[in-house]
N, C-alpha and C. Protein backbone atom coordinates (compact mmCIF):
# COMPACT_ATOMS: atom_id res chain seq x y z
N MET A 1 -2.86 -36.49 1.61
CA MET A 1 -2.37 -35.23 1.22
C MET A 1 -3.62 -34.27 0.82
N GLN A 2 -3.47 -33.30 1.14
CA GLN A 2 -4.74 -32.55 0.52
C GLN A 2 -4.86 -31.75 -1.18
N LEU A 3 -5.88 -32.27 -1.84
CA LEU A 3 -6.03 -31.81 -3.05
C LEU A 3 -6.05 -30.35 -3.10
N ILE A 4 -5.85 -29.30 -3.96
CA ILE A 4 -6.20 -28.39 -4.47
C ILE A 4 -7.23 -28.39 -5.32
N LYS A 5 -8.73 -28.22 -5.19
CA LYS A 5 -9.54 -28.11 -5.85
C LYS A 5 -10.33 -26.72 -6.14
N ASN A 6 -10.50 -26.85 -7.50
CA ASN A 6 -11.40 -25.54 -8.57
C ASN A 6 -12.96 -25.58 -7.96
N ILE A 7 -13.23 -24.49 -7.24
CA ILE A 7 -14.58 -24.75 -6.82
C ILE A 7 -15.11 -23.35 -7.30
N ILE A 8 -16.36 -23.43 -7.81
CA ILE A 8 -17.04 -22.29 -8.16
C ILE A 8 -18.67 -22.21 -7.26
N ILE A 9 -18.19 -20.82 -6.40
CA ILE A 9 -19.48 -20.61 -5.62
C ILE A 9 -20.48 -19.44 -6.02
N ASP A 10 -21.55 -19.50 -5.73
CA ASP A 10 -22.67 -18.75 -6.46
C ASP A 10 -22.81 -17.35 -5.15
N ILE A 11 -22.25 -16.39 -5.73
CA ILE A 11 -22.41 -15.14 -4.58
C ILE A 11 -23.37 -14.15 -5.23
N ASP A 12 -24.78 -14.03 -4.64
CA ASP A 12 -25.57 -13.09 -5.32
C ASP A 12 -26.06 -13.31 -6.72
N GLY A 13 -25.74 -14.14 -7.44
CA GLY A 13 -26.01 -14.35 -8.95
C GLY A 13 -24.71 -14.54 -9.72
N THR A 14 -23.56 -14.28 -8.97
CA THR A 14 -22.00 -14.21 -9.79
C THR A 14 -21.73 -15.53 -9.40
N PRO A 15 -20.97 -15.97 -10.45
CA PRO A 15 -20.11 -17.28 -10.16
C PRO A 15 -18.73 -17.02 -9.79
N ILE A 16 -18.43 -17.19 -8.53
CA ILE A 16 -16.83 -16.57 -8.09
C ILE A 16 -16.00 -18.19 -8.03
N ASN A 17 -14.89 -17.83 -8.91
CA ASN A 17 -14.16 -19.10 -9.08
C ASN A 17 -13.03 -18.82 -7.92
N THR A 18 -12.91 -20.15 -7.23
CA THR A 18 -11.87 -20.43 -5.88
C THR A 18 -11.00 -21.80 -6.14
N LEU A 19 -9.98 -21.58 -5.60
CA LEU A 19 -9.13 -22.90 -5.28
C LEU A 19 -9.04 -22.83 -3.96
N GLN A 20 -9.53 -24.37 -3.35
CA GLN A 20 -9.68 -24.65 -2.05
C GLN A 20 -9.21 -25.86 -1.75
N ALA A 21 -8.34 -26.00 -0.41
CA ALA A 21 -8.25 -27.30 0.27
C ALA A 21 -8.28 -27.34 1.72
N GLY A 22 -8.66 -28.34 1.96
CA GLY A 22 -8.66 -28.18 3.73
C GLY A 22 -10.09 -28.44 4.12
N GLU A 23 -10.53 -28.70 5.28
CA GLU A 23 -11.71 -28.62 5.84
C GLU A 23 -12.00 -27.42 6.49
N PHE A 24 -11.31 -26.30 7.03
CA PHE A 24 -11.63 -24.98 7.35
C PHE A 24 -12.02 -24.71 8.90
N ALA A 25 -11.74 -25.90 9.26
CA ALA A 25 -12.14 -26.15 10.84
C ALA A 25 -11.17 -25.46 11.68
N GLY A 26 -9.79 -25.51 11.49
CA GLY A 26 -8.74 -25.12 11.88
C GLY A 26 -7.80 -23.96 10.82
N PRO A 27 -6.71 -23.59 11.26
CA PRO A 27 -6.33 -22.18 10.52
C PRO A 27 -6.51 -22.41 9.24
N THR A 28 -6.79 -21.18 8.44
CA THR A 28 -7.12 -20.73 7.59
C THR A 28 -6.46 -20.02 6.72
N LEU A 29 -5.94 -20.06 5.27
CA LEU A 29 -5.21 -18.53 4.74
C LEU A 29 -6.33 -18.28 3.80
N LEU A 30 -6.47 -16.96 3.72
CA LEU A 30 -7.58 -16.53 2.08
C LEU A 30 -6.77 -15.55 1.64
N PHE A 31 -6.52 -15.89 0.37
CA PHE A 31 -5.72 -15.40 -0.58
C PHE A 31 -6.48 -14.29 -1.55
N LEU A 32 -6.21 -13.00 -1.52
CA LEU A 32 -6.71 -12.41 -2.56
C LEU A 32 -5.51 -12.11 -3.77
N HIS A 33 -6.00 -11.26 -4.69
CA HIS A 33 -4.95 -11.03 -5.64
C HIS A 33 -4.50 -9.59 -6.41
N GLY A 34 -3.78 -9.48 -6.73
CA GLY A 34 -3.38 -7.68 -7.45
C GLY A 34 -4.35 -7.67 -8.48
N LYS A 35 -4.12 -6.40 -9.27
CA LYS A 35 -4.95 -5.91 -10.28
C LYS A 35 -4.58 -6.85 -11.78
N ALA A 36 -3.16 -7.44 -11.80
CA ALA A 36 -2.90 -8.01 -13.10
C ALA A 36 -3.10 -9.31 -12.80
N PHE A 37 -3.51 -9.84 -11.58
CA PHE A 37 -3.25 -11.34 -10.80
C PHE A 37 -4.91 -12.08 -11.20
N GLN A 38 -4.56 -13.41 -10.55
CA GLN A 38 -5.73 -14.12 -10.11
C GLN A 38 -5.29 -15.18 -8.99
N ALA A 39 -6.49 -16.22 -8.88
CA ALA A 39 -6.40 -16.79 -7.80
C ALA A 39 -5.06 -17.74 -8.16
N LYS A 40 -5.12 -18.25 -9.57
CA LYS A 40 -4.08 -19.30 -10.51
C LYS A 40 -2.67 -18.62 -10.04
N THR A 41 -2.62 -17.36 -9.82
CA THR A 41 -1.09 -16.66 -9.53
C THR A 41 -0.41 -17.44 -8.44
N TRP A 42 -1.40 -17.68 -7.51
CA TRP A 42 -0.95 -18.16 -6.15
C TRP A 42 -0.57 -20.02 -6.23
N LEU A 43 -1.31 -20.62 -7.08
CA LEU A 43 -1.09 -21.72 -7.33
C LEU A 43 0.11 -22.26 -8.27
N ASP A 44 0.21 -21.20 -9.27
CA ASP A 44 1.51 -21.67 -10.16
C ASP A 44 2.71 -21.04 -9.31
N LEU A 45 2.32 -19.98 -8.20
CA LEU A 45 3.85 -19.75 -7.66
C LEU A 45 3.90 -20.91 -6.69
N GLY A 46 3.44 -21.75 -6.38
CA GLY A 46 3.59 -22.90 -5.12
C GLY A 46 3.01 -22.34 -3.76
N THR A 47 2.37 -21.23 -3.41
CA THR A 47 1.99 -20.36 -2.19
C THR A 47 1.10 -21.57 -1.90
N LEU A 48 0.17 -21.77 -2.60
CA LEU A 48 -0.94 -22.36 -1.92
C LEU A 48 -0.61 -23.97 -1.68
N GLN A 49 0.23 -24.43 -2.40
CA GLN A 49 0.89 -25.85 -2.02
C GLN A 49 1.79 -25.48 -0.70
N ALA A 50 2.63 -25.13 -0.75
CA ALA A 50 3.34 -24.50 0.38
C ALA A 50 2.41 -24.34 2.03
N ALA A 51 1.72 -23.84 1.74
CA ALA A 51 0.50 -23.53 2.90
C ALA A 51 -0.23 -24.83 3.24
N VAL A 52 -0.74 -25.43 2.04
CA VAL A 52 -1.36 -27.19 2.63
C VAL A 52 -0.02 -27.57 3.08
N ASP A 53 0.76 -27.67 2.60
CA ASP A 53 2.00 -28.81 2.91
C ASP A 53 2.35 -28.36 4.22
N ALA A 54 2.08 -27.39 5.10
CA ALA A 54 2.38 -26.70 6.36
C ALA A 54 1.12 -27.14 7.27
N GLY A 55 0.08 -27.39 6.61
CA GLY A 55 -1.10 -27.73 7.55
C GLY A 55 -1.91 -26.74 7.82
N TYR A 56 -2.43 -25.81 6.68
CA TYR A 56 -3.44 -24.97 6.49
C TYR A 56 -4.19 -25.09 5.71
N SER A 57 -5.48 -24.73 5.67
CA SER A 57 -6.38 -24.77 4.77
C SER A 57 -6.45 -23.66 3.91
N ILE A 58 -6.87 -23.62 2.87
CA ILE A 58 -6.33 -22.71 1.84
C ILE A 58 -7.65 -22.24 1.02
N LEU A 59 -7.91 -20.81 0.75
CA LEU A 59 -9.18 -20.76 -0.23
C LEU A 59 -8.43 -19.21 -0.62
N ALA A 60 -8.36 -19.58 -2.28
CA ALA A 60 -7.93 -18.43 -2.94
C ALA A 60 -9.18 -17.74 -4.00
N LEU A 61 -9.60 -16.77 -4.29
CA LEU A 61 -10.69 -16.56 -5.16
C LEU A 61 -10.15 -15.37 -6.14
N ASP A 62 -10.80 -15.74 -7.30
CA ASP A 62 -11.13 -14.51 -8.46
C ASP A 62 -11.93 -13.53 -7.79
N LEU A 63 -11.76 -12.38 -7.82
CA LEU A 63 -12.55 -11.03 -7.31
C LEU A 63 -13.21 -11.29 -8.75
N PRO A 64 -14.65 -10.68 -8.80
CA PRO A 64 -15.19 -10.38 -9.79
C PRO A 64 -15.09 -9.38 -10.88
N GLY A 65 -14.72 -9.73 -12.16
CA GLY A 65 -13.90 -9.48 -13.19
C GLY A 65 -12.23 -9.64 -13.60
N PHE A 66 -12.19 -10.49 -12.58
CA PHE A 66 -10.77 -11.15 -12.83
C PHE A 66 -10.67 -12.64 -12.77
N GLY A 67 -9.74 -13.28 -13.67
CA GLY A 67 -9.49 -14.89 -13.72
C GLY A 67 -10.59 -15.28 -14.40
N LYS A 68 -11.48 -16.00 -13.56
CA LYS A 68 -12.46 -17.09 -14.27
C LYS A 68 -13.91 -16.46 -13.56
N SER A 69 -13.88 -15.25 -12.82
CA SER A 69 -15.01 -14.49 -12.07
C SER A 69 -15.64 -13.57 -13.14
N PRO A 70 -16.70 -13.80 -13.63
CA PRO A 70 -17.38 -12.59 -14.42
C PRO A 70 -17.34 -10.99 -13.83
N GLU A 71 -17.34 -10.04 -14.25
CA GLU A 71 -17.35 -8.96 -13.83
C GLU A 71 -19.14 -8.65 -13.28
N ALA A 72 -18.91 -8.35 -12.24
CA ALA A 72 -20.16 -8.12 -11.32
C ALA A 72 -20.42 -6.49 -10.67
N THR A 73 -21.40 -6.23 -10.01
CA THR A 73 -21.52 -5.27 -9.57
C THR A 73 -21.43 -5.63 -7.81
N VAL A 74 -21.45 -6.69 -7.53
CA VAL A 74 -21.36 -7.29 -5.94
C VAL A 74 -19.85 -6.69 -5.49
N ALA A 75 -19.85 -6.38 -4.10
CA ALA A 75 -18.64 -5.55 -3.62
C ALA A 75 -17.68 -6.34 -3.23
N PRO A 76 -16.33 -6.17 -3.47
CA PRO A 76 -15.73 -7.26 -3.06
C PRO A 76 -15.80 -7.92 -1.05
N GLU A 77 -16.19 -6.91 -0.43
CA GLU A 77 -16.41 -7.17 1.02
C GLU A 77 -17.43 -8.39 0.81
N GLN A 78 -18.35 -7.79 0.14
CA GLN A 78 -19.76 -8.84 0.15
C GLN A 78 -18.81 -10.43 -0.46
N VAL A 79 -18.19 -10.43 -1.35
CA VAL A 79 -17.83 -11.68 -1.78
C VAL A 79 -17.11 -12.56 -0.75
N ILE A 80 -16.48 -11.64 -0.04
CA ILE A 80 -15.22 -12.43 0.98
C ILE A 80 -15.97 -12.67 1.79
N ASN A 81 -17.08 -11.94 2.49
CA ASN A 81 -18.04 -12.24 3.67
C ASN A 81 -18.84 -13.75 3.12
N GLU A 82 -19.38 -13.71 1.71
CA GLU A 82 -20.08 -14.74 1.78
C GLU A 82 -19.36 -16.32 1.48
N LEU A 83 -18.07 -15.69 1.27
CA LEU A 83 -17.43 -17.05 0.93
C LEU A 83 -16.86 -17.51 2.16
N MET A 84 -16.55 -16.89 3.35
CA MET A 84 -16.22 -17.32 4.21
C MET A 84 -17.57 -18.01 4.89
N GLN A 85 -18.58 -17.57 4.82
CA GLN A 85 -19.59 -17.78 5.32
C GLN A 85 -19.97 -19.34 4.66
N SER A 86 -19.76 -19.57 3.29
CA SER A 86 -20.08 -20.64 2.70
C SER A 86 -19.30 -21.63 3.03
N ALA A 87 -18.00 -21.54 3.04
CA ALA A 87 -16.93 -22.32 3.46
C ALA A 87 -16.97 -22.84 4.99
N GLY A 88 -17.55 -21.95 6.02
CA GLY A 88 -17.61 -22.35 7.20
C GLY A 88 -16.63 -21.93 7.91
N ILE A 89 -15.61 -20.33 7.32
CA ILE A 89 -14.55 -20.02 7.82
C ILE A 89 -14.94 -19.07 8.87
N GLU A 90 -14.47 -19.24 10.07
CA GLU A 90 -14.91 -18.01 11.31
C GLU A 90 -13.95 -17.04 10.96
N LYS A 91 -12.83 -17.34 10.98
CA LYS A 91 -11.75 -16.41 11.12
C LYS A 91 -10.52 -17.09 9.93
N ALA A 92 -9.60 -16.10 9.49
CA ALA A 92 -8.45 -16.53 8.55
C ALA A 92 -7.80 -15.39 8.74
N ILE A 93 -6.48 -15.89 7.99
CA ILE A 93 -5.41 -15.07 8.05
C ILE A 93 -5.36 -14.68 6.66
N VAL A 94 -5.90 -13.24 6.16
CA VAL A 94 -5.77 -12.64 4.97
C VAL A 94 -4.94 -12.02 4.46
N VAL A 95 -4.45 -12.72 3.11
CA VAL A 95 -3.44 -12.29 2.59
C VAL A 95 -3.96 -11.35 1.17
N GLY A 96 -3.34 -10.08 0.96
CA GLY A 96 -3.76 -9.06 -0.02
C GLY A 96 -2.16 -8.60 -0.62
N PRO A 97 -1.73 -8.85 -1.54
CA PRO A 97 -0.96 -8.20 -2.17
C PRO A 97 -1.68 -6.71 -3.11
N SER A 98 -1.06 -5.64 -3.15
CA SER A 98 -1.44 -4.63 -4.20
C SER A 98 -3.01 -4.22 -3.96
N MET A 99 -3.69 -3.92 -4.98
CA MET A 99 -5.17 -4.09 -4.92
C MET A 99 -5.64 -4.47 -4.08
N GLY A 100 -5.46 -6.06 -4.06
CA GLY A 100 -5.95 -6.71 -3.00
C GLY A 100 -5.52 -6.63 -1.56
N GLY A 101 -4.14 -5.96 -1.37
CA GLY A 101 -3.93 -5.47 -0.17
C GLY A 101 -4.70 -4.24 0.77
N LYS A 102 -5.58 -3.87 -0.43
CA LYS A 102 -6.44 -2.73 -0.32
C LYS A 102 -7.65 -2.97 0.36
N ILE A 103 -8.14 -3.92 -0.35
CA ILE A 103 -9.44 -4.90 -0.36
C ILE A 103 -9.16 -5.41 1.25
N ALA A 104 -7.98 -6.25 1.24
CA ALA A 104 -7.67 -6.75 2.56
C ALA A 104 -7.94 -5.89 3.75
N LEU A 105 -7.08 -4.81 3.63
CA LEU A 105 -6.74 -3.71 4.45
C LEU A 105 -8.45 -3.19 4.97
N GLU A 106 -9.27 -2.96 4.06
CA GLU A 106 -10.57 -2.42 4.54
C GLU A 106 -11.36 -3.68 4.91
N PHE A 107 -11.28 -4.67 4.52
CA PHE A 107 -12.12 -5.86 5.19
C PHE A 107 -11.73 -6.00 6.26
N SER A 108 -10.73 -6.11 7.18
CA SER A 108 -9.98 -6.28 7.89
C SER A 108 -10.83 -4.98 9.06
N LEU A 109 -10.70 -3.82 8.65
CA LEU A 109 -10.85 -2.77 9.57
C LEU A 109 -12.58 -2.94 9.38
N ASP A 110 -13.36 -3.20 8.73
CA ASP A 110 -14.83 -3.25 8.83
C ASP A 110 -15.40 -4.64 9.15
N ASN A 111 -14.49 -5.70 9.28
CA ASN A 111 -14.98 -6.99 9.90
C ASN A 111 -13.68 -7.29 10.51
N PRO A 112 -13.30 -6.99 11.60
CA PRO A 112 -12.32 -7.52 12.35
C PRO A 112 -12.37 -8.71 13.22
N GLU A 113 -13.76 -9.09 13.49
CA GLU A 113 -14.12 -10.62 14.24
C GLU A 113 -13.78 -11.51 13.46
N LYS A 114 -13.57 -11.54 12.01
CA LYS A 114 -13.17 -12.35 10.86
C LYS A 114 -11.76 -12.35 10.60
N ILE A 115 -10.99 -11.62 11.54
CA ILE A 115 -9.51 -11.63 10.92
C ILE A 115 -8.59 -12.17 11.97
N ALA A 116 -8.07 -13.25 11.62
CA ALA A 116 -7.05 -13.86 12.59
C ALA A 116 -5.76 -13.15 12.50
N GLY A 117 -5.14 -12.69 11.51
CA GLY A 117 -4.08 -12.60 11.04
C GLY A 117 -4.35 -11.64 9.63
N LEU A 118 -3.40 -10.83 9.50
CA LEU A 118 -3.55 -9.81 7.86
C LEU A 118 -2.31 -9.82 7.47
N VAL A 119 -1.94 -10.06 6.17
CA VAL A 119 -0.65 -10.07 5.60
C VAL A 119 -0.95 -8.85 4.17
N LEU A 120 -0.31 -7.63 4.27
CA LEU A 120 -0.52 -6.79 3.47
C LEU A 120 0.89 -6.87 2.58
N ILE A 121 1.00 -7.15 1.31
CA ILE A 121 2.23 -7.05 0.48
C ILE A 121 2.08 -5.82 -0.71
N GLY A 122 3.09 -4.94 -0.66
CA GLY A 122 2.87 -3.60 -1.38
C GLY A 122 1.53 -3.04 -1.28
N ALA A 123 0.82 -2.97 -0.14
CA ALA A 123 -0.73 -2.82 -0.30
C ALA A 123 -0.64 -1.23 -0.97
N VAL A 124 -2.10 -1.08 -1.73
CA VAL A 124 -2.16 0.46 -2.25
C VAL A 124 -3.57 0.87 -1.14
N GLY A 125 -3.63 2.12 -1.36
CA GLY A 125 -4.71 2.47 -0.10
C GLY A 125 -4.42 2.81 0.85
N VAL A 126 -3.44 2.97 1.19
CA VAL A 126 -2.88 3.10 2.78
C VAL A 126 -2.96 4.44 3.19
N GLU A 127 -2.92 5.06 2.54
CA GLU A 127 -2.56 6.88 3.07
C GLU A 127 -4.40 7.01 3.23
N GLU A 128 -4.86 6.56 2.19
CA GLU A 128 -6.19 6.89 2.40
C GLU A 128 -7.21 6.35 3.59
N ASN A 129 -6.73 5.30 4.10
CA ASN A 129 -7.19 4.94 5.23
C ASN A 129 -6.28 5.07 6.64
N ARG A 130 -5.47 6.12 6.32
CA ARG A 130 -4.28 6.34 7.60
C ARG A 130 -5.02 6.84 9.23
N ASP A 131 -6.45 7.19 8.73
CA ASP A 131 -6.81 7.82 10.44
C ASP A 131 -7.05 5.92 10.74
N ARG A 132 -7.21 5.48 10.16
CA ARG A 132 -7.64 4.03 11.08
C ARG A 132 -6.91 2.51 11.03
N LEU A 133 -5.53 3.09 10.60
CA LEU A 133 -4.42 1.95 10.59
C LEU A 133 -4.62 1.34 11.81
N SER A 134 -4.54 2.17 13.07
CA SER A 134 -4.21 1.90 14.18
C SER A 134 -5.24 0.69 14.87
N GLN A 135 -6.22 0.44 13.77
CA GLN A 135 -7.59 -0.31 14.38
C GLN A 135 -7.05 -1.75 13.53
N LEU A 136 -5.85 -1.65 12.97
CA LEU A 136 -5.75 -3.01 11.91
C LEU A 136 -5.04 -4.17 13.15
N PRO A 137 -5.13 -5.45 13.17
CA PRO A 137 -4.79 -6.20 13.98
C PRO A 137 -3.34 -6.45 14.05
N PRO A 138 -2.98 -6.68 15.90
CA PRO A 138 -1.67 -7.00 15.70
C PRO A 138 -0.82 -7.80 15.44
N SER A 139 -1.70 -8.64 15.11
CA SER A 139 -0.97 -9.85 14.11
C SER A 139 -1.37 -9.35 12.50
N SER A 140 -0.49 -8.53 12.48
CA SER A 140 0.00 -8.28 10.60
C SER A 140 1.12 -8.14 10.53
N LEU A 141 1.28 -8.68 9.34
CA LEU A 141 2.64 -9.04 8.67
C LEU A 141 2.50 -7.88 7.26
N ILE A 142 3.35 -6.80 7.12
CA ILE A 142 3.64 -6.21 6.01
C ILE A 142 5.07 -6.15 5.06
N VAL A 143 4.64 -6.73 4.03
CA VAL A 143 5.79 -7.20 3.16
C VAL A 143 5.89 -6.25 2.08
N TRP A 144 7.05 -5.56 1.73
CA TRP A 144 7.42 -4.73 0.51
C TRP A 144 8.38 -4.89 -0.25
N GLY A 145 8.71 -4.64 -1.66
CA GLY A 145 9.91 -4.60 -1.82
C GLY A 145 10.85 -3.44 -2.05
N GLU A 146 11.77 -3.35 -1.79
CA GLU A 146 12.49 -2.67 -1.56
C GLU A 146 12.44 -1.32 -2.80
N LYS A 147 12.40 -1.81 -4.25
CA LYS A 147 12.20 -0.72 -5.12
C LYS A 147 10.83 -0.79 -5.52
N ASP A 148 10.21 -0.67 -4.99
CA ASP A 148 8.47 -0.75 -5.02
C ASP A 148 8.33 0.59 -5.74
N HIS A 149 7.82 1.00 -6.64
CA HIS A 149 7.72 2.13 -7.44
C HIS A 149 5.88 2.54 -7.74
N ILE A 150 5.55 1.63 -7.44
CA ILE A 150 4.01 1.56 -7.23
C ILE A 150 2.94 1.88 -6.17
N SER A 151 3.62 1.22 -5.19
CA SER A 151 3.10 1.72 -3.80
C SER A 151 4.31 1.90 -2.99
N ASP A 152 4.86 3.15 -2.50
CA ASP A 152 6.02 3.18 -2.00
C ASP A 152 6.44 2.73 -0.80
N PRO A 153 7.59 2.33 -0.70
CA PRO A 153 8.02 1.71 0.60
C PRO A 153 7.57 2.38 1.99
N ALA A 154 7.35 3.79 1.77
CA ALA A 154 6.83 4.69 2.98
C ALA A 154 5.87 4.28 3.40
N ASN A 155 4.87 3.48 2.50
CA ASN A 155 3.46 2.98 2.99
C ASN A 155 3.35 1.93 4.19
N GLY A 156 4.89 0.92 3.50
CA GLY A 156 4.97 -0.32 4.79
C GLY A 156 5.09 0.25 5.82
N VAL A 157 6.28 1.46 5.92
CA VAL A 157 6.50 1.88 7.32
C VAL A 157 5.37 2.49 7.90
N LEU A 158 4.71 3.16 7.21
CA LEU A 158 3.48 4.07 7.86
C LEU A 158 2.59 2.72 8.70
N LEU A 159 2.26 1.90 7.89
CA LEU A 159 1.52 0.72 8.22
C LEU A 159 2.44 0.18 9.64
N HIS A 160 3.06 0.08 9.26
CA HIS A 160 4.45 -0.75 10.20
C HIS A 160 4.27 0.29 11.77
N GLU A 161 4.23 1.36 11.86
CA GLU A 161 4.40 2.54 12.99
C GLU A 161 2.88 2.47 13.26
N SER A 162 1.77 2.27 12.55
CA SER A 162 0.49 2.53 12.72
C SER A 162 -0.04 1.35 13.93
N ILE A 163 0.60 0.35 13.30
CA ILE A 163 -0.25 -0.87 13.82
C ILE A 163 0.73 -1.55 15.02
N PRO A 164 0.10 -1.30 16.45
CA PRO A 164 1.16 -2.03 17.44
C PRO A 164 1.39 -3.52 17.33
N GLY A 165 2.55 -3.89 17.54
CA GLY A 165 2.87 -5.26 17.07
C GLY A 165 3.20 -5.72 15.86
N ALA A 166 3.07 -5.28 14.53
CA ALA A 166 2.91 -5.40 13.64
C ALA A 166 4.72 -5.71 12.66
N THR A 167 4.54 -6.35 12.07
CA THR A 167 6.03 -6.95 11.54
C THR A 167 6.04 -6.50 10.32
N LEU A 168 7.18 -5.82 10.02
CA LEU A 168 7.30 -5.37 8.90
C LEU A 168 8.53 -6.24 7.94
N VAL A 169 8.67 -6.63 6.69
CA VAL A 169 9.76 -7.00 6.03
C VAL A 169 9.85 -6.83 4.47
N VAL A 170 11.14 -6.35 4.35
CA VAL A 170 11.26 -5.50 3.23
C VAL A 170 12.52 -6.52 2.55
N PHE A 171 11.92 -6.80 1.19
CA PHE A 171 12.59 -7.59 0.48
C PHE A 171 13.64 -6.82 -0.48
N GLU A 172 14.78 -7.17 -0.40
CA GLU A 172 16.08 -6.43 -0.81
C GLU A 172 16.00 -6.50 -2.23
N GLY A 173 16.21 -5.33 -2.88
CA GLY A 173 16.08 -5.16 -4.59
C GLY A 173 14.85 -5.69 -5.52
N ALA A 174 13.67 -5.83 -4.69
CA ALA A 174 12.58 -6.30 -5.26
C ALA A 174 11.71 -5.31 -5.54
N LYS A 175 11.01 -5.45 -6.64
CA LYS A 175 9.98 -4.29 -7.00
C LYS A 175 8.55 -4.52 -6.35
N HIS A 176 7.48 -4.04 -7.05
CA HIS A 176 6.19 -4.12 -6.60
C HIS A 176 5.65 -5.77 -6.13
N PRO A 177 5.82 -6.21 -7.00
CA PRO A 177 5.36 -7.59 -6.88
C PRO A 177 6.26 -8.61 -6.22
N CYS A 178 7.30 -8.17 -5.06
CA CYS A 178 8.42 -8.78 -4.19
C CYS A 178 7.85 -10.47 -3.95
N TYR A 179 6.57 -10.37 -3.82
CA TYR A 179 6.43 -11.96 -3.65
C TYR A 179 6.63 -12.90 -4.89
N LEU A 180 6.88 -12.58 -6.06
CA LEU A 180 6.89 -13.37 -7.18
C LEU A 180 8.28 -13.19 -7.61
N GLU A 181 8.96 -12.01 -7.07
CA GLU A 181 10.57 -12.05 -7.72
C GLU A 181 11.14 -12.89 -6.45
N GLN A 182 10.71 -13.31 -5.41
CA GLN A 182 11.47 -14.07 -4.48
C GLN A 182 10.49 -14.96 -3.65
N PRO A 183 9.93 -15.94 -4.42
CA PRO A 183 9.30 -16.64 -3.74
C PRO A 183 9.98 -17.54 -2.19
N GLU A 184 10.98 -18.17 -2.77
CA GLU A 184 11.35 -19.24 -1.43
C GLU A 184 11.12 -18.04 -0.09
N LEU A 185 11.75 -16.96 -0.29
CA LEU A 185 11.91 -16.16 0.64
C LEU A 185 10.44 -15.29 1.26
N TRP A 186 9.49 -15.65 0.14
CA TRP A 186 8.05 -14.92 0.40
C TRP A 186 7.64 -16.37 1.40
N HIS A 187 7.43 -17.71 0.76
CA HIS A 187 7.07 -18.73 1.44
C HIS A 187 7.68 -18.67 2.69
N LYS A 188 8.77 -18.24 3.22
CA LYS A 188 9.53 -18.75 4.65
C LYS A 188 8.61 -17.62 5.14
N THR A 189 8.67 -16.56 4.87
CA THR A 189 8.15 -15.03 5.48
C THR A 189 6.83 -15.54 6.02
N LEU A 190 5.89 -15.65 4.89
CA LEU A 190 4.47 -15.98 5.53
C LEU A 190 4.27 -17.26 5.97
N LEU A 191 4.88 -18.43 5.94
CA LEU A 191 4.60 -19.51 7.33
C LEU A 191 5.05 -19.28 8.34
N ASN A 192 6.37 -18.40 8.50
CA ASN A 192 6.95 -18.10 9.96
C ASN A 192 5.91 -17.29 10.62
N PHE A 193 5.35 -16.29 10.10
CA PHE A 193 4.42 -15.59 10.33
C PHE A 193 2.98 -16.39 10.82
N ALA A 194 2.53 -17.02 10.21
CA ALA A 194 1.17 -17.87 10.52
C ALA A 194 1.29 -18.70 11.47
N GLN A 195 2.50 -19.16 11.86
CA GLN A 195 2.90 -20.19 12.94
C GLN A 195 2.54 -19.40 14.35
N THR A 196 2.78 -17.78 14.22
CA THR A 196 2.54 -16.82 15.45
C THR A 196 1.08 -16.42 15.87
N VAL A 197 0.05 -17.00 14.53
CA VAL A 197 -1.04 -16.26 14.82
C VAL A 197 -2.13 -17.24 15.52
N GLN A 198 -2.69 -16.68 16.70
CA GLN A 198 -3.68 -17.57 17.23
C GLN A 198 -5.26 -17.35 16.63
N PHE A 199 -5.45 -18.46 16.42
CA PHE A 199 -6.77 -18.43 15.92
C PHE A 199 -7.85 -18.73 17.29
């Protein structure tokens, strides 16, 4: 059984806190987080263990200024790129809720060769990137809460209509952090999608 380890990685002089498991030679899930959350959120929810148990390598990180990673001027894109390089991850399924969804979306647009799949949960920043949404990978899972009042569910529909081949799943009755409200459905949805992704 793979143990989930707490590992600090120096990125341009900034210690970035990560949770990791696996060898990263095979299918890997990379987890970002929302504005009020951190890498440990995925641990507490059971998402990291569920992914490990399903045979995936995992890396979850605290973005600069969140969790155990201090404030820094280093950009999220640089952090993700250098973490992937440090861990030897060539391609990953990148998972991003809310603020992390915006970062994941823009990282995918700017680094398509590093994206095996994309999972956006109630992502913000959809409208401001609408001219490029069709460039996102067809292996995209879009998850939204039916009663999301922070990022309108219409953004999920826009993503679904803009990305050829994308899958849209709406969690009935759920608010913005729908994955926190319905973790069993979230884990089933995520892992079912991950099985369809070609690395």
